[in-house]
Every structure is written in structure tokens, then in C-alpha cells.
Amino acid sequence: MMYKVFGIKFTNFLVNRTAGEVFTSGETIRSLILDIAELSKRNIRGVGNYVAEGLHKMDDKLIQVTVKDLTDSIIAITEGKEEGHLAIKLTAMITIDVMTRLSKAQQVLLEDVM
């Protein structure tokens, strides 16, 4: 809601100036890598976590941008390192309608079939 009303820059500013930095980091790949490096200095491992809720409608262009972001993140997190960790919520790649139908299908499978 905040992103829609106030825009990305202002909302990210608010998140970064409040308790958000305790839970979130890296609205860019560069800042994520810097934050992981800072944690690493204290012997704390960092995990990149890419979360986006489902699309309102299928948008191939947006999916291609998302795939590029994911690929760039994987390269940045692992390049020159022994390991890197990136959690990806793959439902970012499908529509909310499809997610809803998958959820209902899973419920039917669990309740009626099994």
C-alpha cells in the first residue's frame, strides 16, 4: 500500500529510517552485498531473500526483469566466494489467480483425495 501511495523511493527511505533495517536490507543488489559483507566481518552469515507476491496479471516483460534481478543477485552473492545463499519465492513468477487456484487444488487433494 505504501509503495502505491508514496512511491518506491519514499517508502524505502521510511523503511530504512525505522525498524526496517533490523529485518530488511538491500533494496539494491549492491546494498545487499555490502550488508552481507558487514555481517560477515562479525562472523554472521547473510542470506539474500527475494520475495515478490504474485502478479496481478501475466506480464512477460516484468518476469524477464525479475529473472535478470535473480540471476544478477545469484552472481553477486556467489562471485569469488565459497558459498552464497539466496532464498527465492517463486510465486513471484505467477499470477495471484493461478496461486489461488493452486491453493484450492492442494486443499482438495489433502481433504478429498488423501
N, C-alpha and C. Protein backbone atom coordinates (compact mmCIF):
# COMPACT_ATOMS: atom_id res chain seq x y z
N MET A 1 0.83 -1.19 0.00
CA MET A 1 0.00 0.00 0.00
C MET A 1 0.88 1.26 0.00
N MET A 2 1.91 1.25 0.86
CA MET A 2 2.81 2.41 0.93
C MET A 2 3.49 2.67 -0.41
N TYR A 3 3.93 1.60 -1.07
CA TYR A 3 4.59 1.77 -2.36
C TYR A 3 3.65 2.39 -3.39
N LYS A 4 2.39 1.99 -3.36
CA LYS A 4 1.42 2.54 -4.31
C LYS A 4 1.11 4.00 -4.01
N VAL A 5 0.96 4.34 -2.73
CA VAL A 5 0.57 5.69 -2.35
C VAL A 5 1.76 6.67 -2.40
N PHE A 6 2.90 6.26 -1.81
CA PHE A 6 4.02 7.18 -1.65
C PHE A 6 5.18 6.94 -2.61
N GLY A 7 5.15 5.82 -3.33
CA GLY A 7 6.22 5.53 -4.28
C GLY A 7 7.36 4.75 -3.64
N ILE A 8 8.22 4.22 -4.50
CA ILE A 8 9.31 3.34 -4.06
C ILE A 8 10.35 4.08 -3.23
N LYS A 9 10.84 5.22 -3.74
CA LYS A 9 11.92 5.94 -3.05
C LYS A 9 11.53 6.36 -1.64
N PHE A 10 10.38 6.98 -1.51
CA PHE A 10 9.96 7.47 -0.20
C PHE A 10 9.69 6.32 0.77
N THR A 11 9.03 5.28 0.27
CA THR A 11 8.74 4.13 1.12
C THR A 11 10.02 3.45 1.58
N ASN A 12 10.98 3.24 0.67
CA ASN A 12 12.26 2.65 1.07
C ASN A 12 12.98 3.55 2.07
N PHE A 13 12.90 4.86 1.89
CA PHE A 13 13.50 5.79 2.84
C PHE A 13 12.90 5.58 4.23
N LEU A 14 11.57 5.51 4.31
CA LEU A 14 10.90 5.31 5.60
C LEU A 14 11.31 3.97 6.24
N VAL A 15 11.33 2.93 5.42
CA VAL A 15 11.71 1.60 5.95
C VAL A 15 13.13 1.66 6.50
N ASN A 16 14.04 2.30 5.77
CA ASN A 16 15.44 2.35 6.19
C ASN A 16 15.67 3.27 7.39
N ARG A 17 14.76 4.18 7.65
CA ARG A 17 14.92 5.11 8.78
C ARG A 17 14.16 4.64 10.02
N THR A 18 13.45 3.54 9.91
CA THR A 18 12.72 2.99 11.05
C THR A 18 13.29 1.62 11.37
N ALA A 19 12.52 0.79 12.00
CA ALA A 19 12.99 -0.54 12.41
C ALA A 19 13.20 -1.48 11.23
N GLY A 20 12.89 -1.06 10.04
CA GLY A 20 13.02 -1.91 8.87
C GLY A 20 14.41 -2.45 8.66
N GLU A 21 15.43 -1.67 9.01
CA GLU A 21 16.79 -2.16 8.78
C GLU A 21 17.14 -3.36 9.66
N VAL A 22 16.37 -3.57 10.70
CA VAL A 22 16.59 -4.76 11.53
C VAL A 22 16.17 -6.01 10.75
N PHE A 23 15.17 -5.87 9.91
CA PHE A 23 14.60 -7.01 9.21
C PHE A 23 14.91 -7.05 7.73
N THR A 24 15.13 -5.89 7.13
CA THR A 24 15.33 -5.85 5.70
C THR A 24 16.62 -5.13 5.35
N SER A 25 17.07 -5.40 4.17
CA SER A 25 18.30 -4.80 3.69
C SER A 25 18.33 -4.97 2.20
N GLY A 26 19.10 -4.18 1.57
CA GLY A 26 19.39 -4.43 0.18
C GLY A 26 18.25 -4.21 -0.78
N GLU A 27 17.73 -2.99 -0.81
CA GLU A 27 16.75 -2.74 -1.86
C GLU A 27 17.43 -2.71 -3.22
N THR A 28 18.75 -2.70 -3.21
CA THR A 28 19.53 -2.91 -4.44
C THR A 28 20.48 -4.07 -4.19
N ILE A 29 20.95 -4.68 -5.27
CA ILE A 29 21.90 -5.79 -5.13
C ILE A 29 23.18 -5.30 -4.46
N ARG A 30 23.63 -4.11 -4.84
CA ARG A 30 24.87 -3.56 -4.26
C ARG A 30 24.74 -3.41 -2.75
N SER A 31 23.62 -2.84 -2.28
CA SER A 31 23.47 -2.66 -0.83
C SER A 31 23.32 -3.99 -0.11
N LEU A 32 22.72 -4.98 -0.76
CA LEU A 32 22.62 -6.32 -0.18
C LEU A 32 24.01 -6.91 0.03
N ILE A 33 24.86 -6.80 -1.00
CA ILE A 33 26.22 -7.34 -0.91
C ILE A 33 27.01 -6.63 0.18
N LEU A 34 26.87 -5.31 0.27
CA LEU A 34 27.57 -4.56 1.32
C LEU A 34 27.10 -4.99 2.71
N ASP A 35 25.80 -5.19 2.87
CA ASP A 35 25.27 -5.62 4.17
C ASP A 35 25.74 -7.02 4.54
N ILE A 36 25.75 -7.92 3.56
CA ILE A 36 26.25 -9.28 3.81
C ILE A 36 27.73 -9.24 4.19
N ALA A 37 28.50 -8.38 3.54
CA ALA A 37 29.92 -8.24 3.86
C ALA A 37 30.12 -7.73 5.28
N GLU A 38 29.30 -6.76 5.69
CA GLU A 38 29.39 -6.25 7.06
C GLU A 38 29.08 -7.34 8.08
N LEU A 39 28.04 -8.11 7.82
CA LEU A 39 27.71 -9.21 8.73
C LEU A 39 28.83 -10.24 8.77
N SER A 40 29.41 -10.51 7.62
CA SER A 40 30.48 -11.50 7.53
C SER A 40 31.68 -11.11 8.40
N LYS A 41 31.96 -9.82 8.49
CA LYS A 41 33.07 -9.34 9.34
C LYS A 41 32.85 -9.73 10.80
N ARG A 42 31.59 -9.90 11.19
CA ARG A 42 31.25 -10.29 12.56
C ARG A 42 30.96 -11.78 12.65
N ASN A 43 31.37 -12.52 11.62
CA ASN A 43 31.19 -13.96 11.55
C ASN A 43 29.71 -14.36 11.56
N ILE A 44 28.90 -13.54 10.93
CA ILE A 44 27.47 -13.81 10.79
C ILE A 44 27.20 -14.01 9.30
N ARG A 45 26.55 -15.10 8.97
CA ARG A 45 26.24 -15.35 7.57
C ARG A 45 24.94 -14.68 7.18
N GLY A 46 24.91 -14.13 5.99
CA GLY A 46 23.72 -13.45 5.50
C GLY A 46 23.07 -14.24 4.38
N VAL A 47 21.78 -14.10 4.28
CA VAL A 47 21.02 -14.77 3.23
C VAL A 47 20.24 -13.70 2.48
N GLY A 48 20.39 -13.68 1.17
CA GLY A 48 19.54 -12.83 0.36
C GLY A 48 18.18 -13.50 0.23
N ASN A 49 17.13 -12.74 0.29
CA ASN A 49 15.79 -13.30 0.23
C ASN A 49 14.98 -12.47 -0.75
N TYR A 50 14.65 -13.06 -1.87
CA TYR A 50 13.91 -12.35 -2.90
C TYR A 50 12.44 -12.74 -2.79
N VAL A 51 11.65 -11.78 -2.37
CA VAL A 51 10.22 -12.05 -2.19
C VAL A 51 9.42 -11.04 -2.99
N ALA A 52 8.54 -11.53 -3.79
CA ALA A 52 7.58 -10.68 -4.51
C ALA A 52 6.29 -11.47 -4.57
N GLU A 53 5.22 -10.82 -4.27
CA GLU A 53 3.94 -11.50 -4.33
C GLU A 53 3.54 -11.67 -5.79
N GLY A 54 2.57 -12.50 -6.03
CA GLY A 54 2.15 -12.82 -7.38
C GLY A 54 1.76 -11.60 -8.21
N LEU A 55 1.82 -11.78 -9.50
CA LEU A 55 1.43 -10.73 -10.43
C LEU A 55 -0.08 -10.59 -10.47
N HIS A 56 -0.55 -9.38 -10.68
CA HIS A 56 -2.00 -9.19 -10.83
C HIS A 56 -2.47 -9.75 -12.16
N LYS A 57 -1.62 -9.68 -13.16
CA LYS A 57 -1.89 -10.30 -14.46
C LYS A 57 -0.55 -10.71 -15.05
N MET A 58 -0.57 -11.67 -15.96
CA MET A 58 0.65 -12.15 -16.57
C MET A 58 1.36 -11.01 -17.29
N ASP A 59 2.65 -10.85 -17.02
CA ASP A 59 3.43 -9.76 -17.59
C ASP A 59 4.82 -10.29 -17.93
N ASP A 60 5.00 -10.74 -19.17
CA ASP A 60 6.26 -11.34 -19.58
C ASP A 60 7.45 -10.40 -19.40
N LYS A 61 7.26 -9.11 -19.67
CA LYS A 61 8.35 -8.15 -19.53
C LYS A 61 8.80 -8.06 -18.07
N LEU A 62 7.85 -8.00 -17.16
CA LEU A 62 8.18 -7.94 -15.73
C LEU A 62 8.85 -9.23 -15.27
N ILE A 63 8.41 -10.36 -15.78
CA ILE A 63 9.04 -11.63 -15.43
C ILE A 63 10.49 -11.65 -15.90
N GLN A 64 10.75 -11.14 -17.10
CA GLN A 64 12.13 -11.09 -17.60
C GLN A 64 13.01 -10.19 -16.72
N VAL A 65 12.47 -9.07 -16.26
CA VAL A 65 13.21 -8.19 -15.35
C VAL A 65 13.49 -8.92 -14.04
N THR A 66 12.50 -9.64 -13.53
CA THR A 66 12.66 -10.40 -12.29
C THR A 66 13.71 -11.48 -12.45
N VAL A 67 13.68 -12.22 -13.56
CA VAL A 67 14.68 -13.26 -13.80
C VAL A 67 16.08 -12.65 -13.86
N LYS A 68 16.22 -11.48 -14.50
CA LYS A 68 17.52 -10.82 -14.56
C LYS A 68 17.97 -10.40 -13.16
N ASP A 69 17.06 -9.84 -12.36
CA ASP A 69 17.41 -9.47 -10.98
C ASP A 69 17.86 -10.68 -10.18
N LEU A 70 17.15 -11.79 -10.32
CA LEU A 70 17.51 -13.02 -9.60
C LEU A 70 18.89 -13.51 -10.05
N THR A 71 19.11 -13.54 -11.36
CA THR A 71 20.40 -14.00 -11.89
C THR A 71 21.53 -13.09 -11.42
N ASP A 72 21.32 -11.78 -11.51
CA ASP A 72 22.34 -10.83 -11.06
C ASP A 72 22.61 -10.99 -9.56
N SER A 73 21.56 -11.25 -8.79
CA SER A 73 21.72 -11.45 -7.34
C SER A 73 22.54 -12.70 -7.05
N ILE A 74 22.23 -13.78 -7.74
CA ILE A 74 22.98 -15.03 -7.54
C ILE A 74 24.45 -14.83 -7.86
N ILE A 75 24.73 -14.19 -8.98
CA ILE A 75 26.13 -13.94 -9.36
C ILE A 75 26.81 -13.07 -8.32
N ALA A 76 26.17 -11.99 -7.90
CA ALA A 76 26.77 -11.07 -6.93
C ALA A 76 27.01 -11.72 -5.58
N ILE A 77 26.10 -12.57 -5.15
CA ILE A 77 26.24 -13.21 -3.83
C ILE A 77 27.31 -14.30 -3.83
N THR A 78 27.50 -14.95 -4.98
CA THR A 78 28.42 -16.10 -5.01
C THR A 78 29.78 -15.81 -5.63
N GLU A 79 29.88 -14.77 -6.41
CA GLU A 79 31.12 -14.49 -7.15
C GLU A 79 32.31 -14.31 -6.21
N GLY A 80 33.34 -15.14 -6.43
CA GLY A 80 34.56 -15.07 -5.63
C GLY A 80 34.42 -15.58 -4.21
N LYS A 81 33.34 -16.28 -3.93
CA LYS A 81 33.11 -16.80 -2.58
C LYS A 81 32.92 -18.30 -2.63
N GLU A 82 33.12 -18.94 -1.50
CA GLU A 82 32.91 -20.39 -1.43
C GLU A 82 31.43 -20.74 -1.52
N GLU A 83 30.59 -19.86 -0.97
CA GLU A 83 29.16 -20.15 -0.97
C GLU A 83 28.38 -18.84 -0.92
N GLY A 84 27.13 -18.94 -1.25
CA GLY A 84 26.22 -17.81 -1.16
C GLY A 84 24.82 -18.37 -0.97
N HIS A 85 23.97 -17.59 -0.36
CA HIS A 85 22.62 -18.06 -0.07
C HIS A 85 21.59 -17.05 -0.55
N LEU A 86 20.65 -17.52 -1.34
CA LEU A 86 19.57 -16.68 -1.83
C LEU A 86 18.28 -17.48 -1.78
N ALA A 87 17.35 -17.01 -0.97
CA ALA A 87 16.03 -17.65 -0.90
C ALA A 87 15.13 -16.94 -1.91
N ILE A 88 14.46 -17.72 -2.72
CA ILE A 88 13.63 -17.15 -3.77
C ILE A 88 12.20 -17.66 -3.62
N LYS A 89 11.27 -16.74 -3.58
CA LYS A 89 9.86 -17.11 -3.53
C LYS A 89 9.36 -17.15 -4.97
N LEU A 90 9.28 -18.35 -5.52
CA LEU A 90 8.99 -18.50 -6.93
C LEU A 90 7.56 -18.12 -7.31
N THR A 91 6.69 -17.93 -6.33
CA THR A 91 5.34 -17.49 -6.67
C THR A 91 5.34 -16.07 -7.22
N ALA A 92 6.49 -15.40 -7.18
CA ALA A 92 6.60 -14.08 -7.79
C ALA A 92 6.42 -14.18 -9.30
N MET A 93 6.56 -15.39 -9.83
CA MET A 93 6.52 -15.57 -11.27
C MET A 93 5.15 -15.97 -11.81
N ILE A 94 4.14 -16.10 -10.95
CA ILE A 94 2.82 -16.47 -11.43
C ILE A 94 1.79 -15.48 -10.93
N THR A 95 0.62 -15.52 -11.52
CA THR A 95 -0.42 -14.56 -11.14
C THR A 95 -1.10 -14.98 -9.84
N ILE A 96 -1.69 -14.02 -9.19
CA ILE A 96 -2.42 -14.29 -7.96
C ILE A 96 -3.56 -15.27 -8.23
N ASP A 97 -4.20 -15.15 -9.38
CA ASP A 97 -5.28 -16.06 -9.76
C ASP A 97 -4.77 -17.51 -9.80
N VAL A 98 -3.62 -17.72 -10.42
CA VAL A 98 -3.05 -19.07 -10.51
C VAL A 98 -2.68 -19.57 -9.11
N MET A 99 -2.10 -18.70 -8.28
CA MET A 99 -1.76 -19.10 -6.90
C MET A 99 -3.01 -19.52 -6.14
N THR A 100 -4.09 -18.78 -6.32
CA THR A 100 -5.34 -19.10 -5.63
C THR A 100 -5.87 -20.46 -6.08
N ARG A 101 -5.83 -20.70 -7.38
CA ARG A 101 -6.31 -21.99 -7.89
C ARG A 101 -5.42 -23.14 -7.42
N LEU A 102 -4.09 -22.92 -7.38
CA LEU A 102 -3.18 -23.96 -6.87
C LEU A 102 -3.46 -24.26 -5.40
N SER A 103 -3.72 -23.22 -4.63
CA SER A 103 -4.03 -23.40 -3.22
C SER A 103 -5.31 -24.22 -3.03
N LYS A 104 -6.34 -23.89 -3.83
CA LYS A 104 -7.59 -24.65 -3.75
C LYS A 104 -7.39 -26.10 -4.18
N ALA A 105 -6.60 -26.30 -5.23
CA ALA A 105 -6.32 -27.67 -5.69
C ALA A 105 -5.59 -28.47 -4.62
N GLN A 106 -4.65 -27.83 -3.95
CA GLN A 106 -3.92 -28.50 -2.88
C GLN A 106 -4.86 -28.86 -1.73
N GLN A 107 -5.76 -27.97 -1.42
CA GLN A 107 -6.73 -28.22 -0.35
C GLN A 107 -7.62 -29.40 -0.71
N VAL A 108 -8.10 -29.44 -1.94
CA VAL A 108 -8.94 -30.56 -2.39
C VAL A 108 -8.15 -31.87 -2.33
N LEU A 109 -6.91 -31.84 -2.77
CA LEU A 109 -6.07 -33.02 -2.74
C LEU A 109 -5.92 -33.54 -1.31
N LEU A 110 -5.62 -32.66 -0.39
CA LEU A 110 -5.42 -33.07 1.01
C LEU A 110 -6.69 -33.56 1.66
N GLU A 111 -7.79 -32.87 1.43
CA GLU A 111 -9.03 -33.18 2.13
C GLU A 111 -9.83 -34.32 1.46
N ASP A 112 -9.89 -34.32 0.16
CA ASP A 112 -10.77 -35.27 -0.54
C ASP A 112 -10.04 -36.50 -1.07
N VAL A 113 -8.83 -36.34 -1.49
CA VAL A 113 -8.12 -37.45 -2.11
C VAL A 113 -7.31 -38.23 -1.09
N MET A 114 -6.64 -37.56 -0.23
CA MET A 114 -5.77 -38.23 0.73
C MET A 114 -6.56 -38.47 1.96
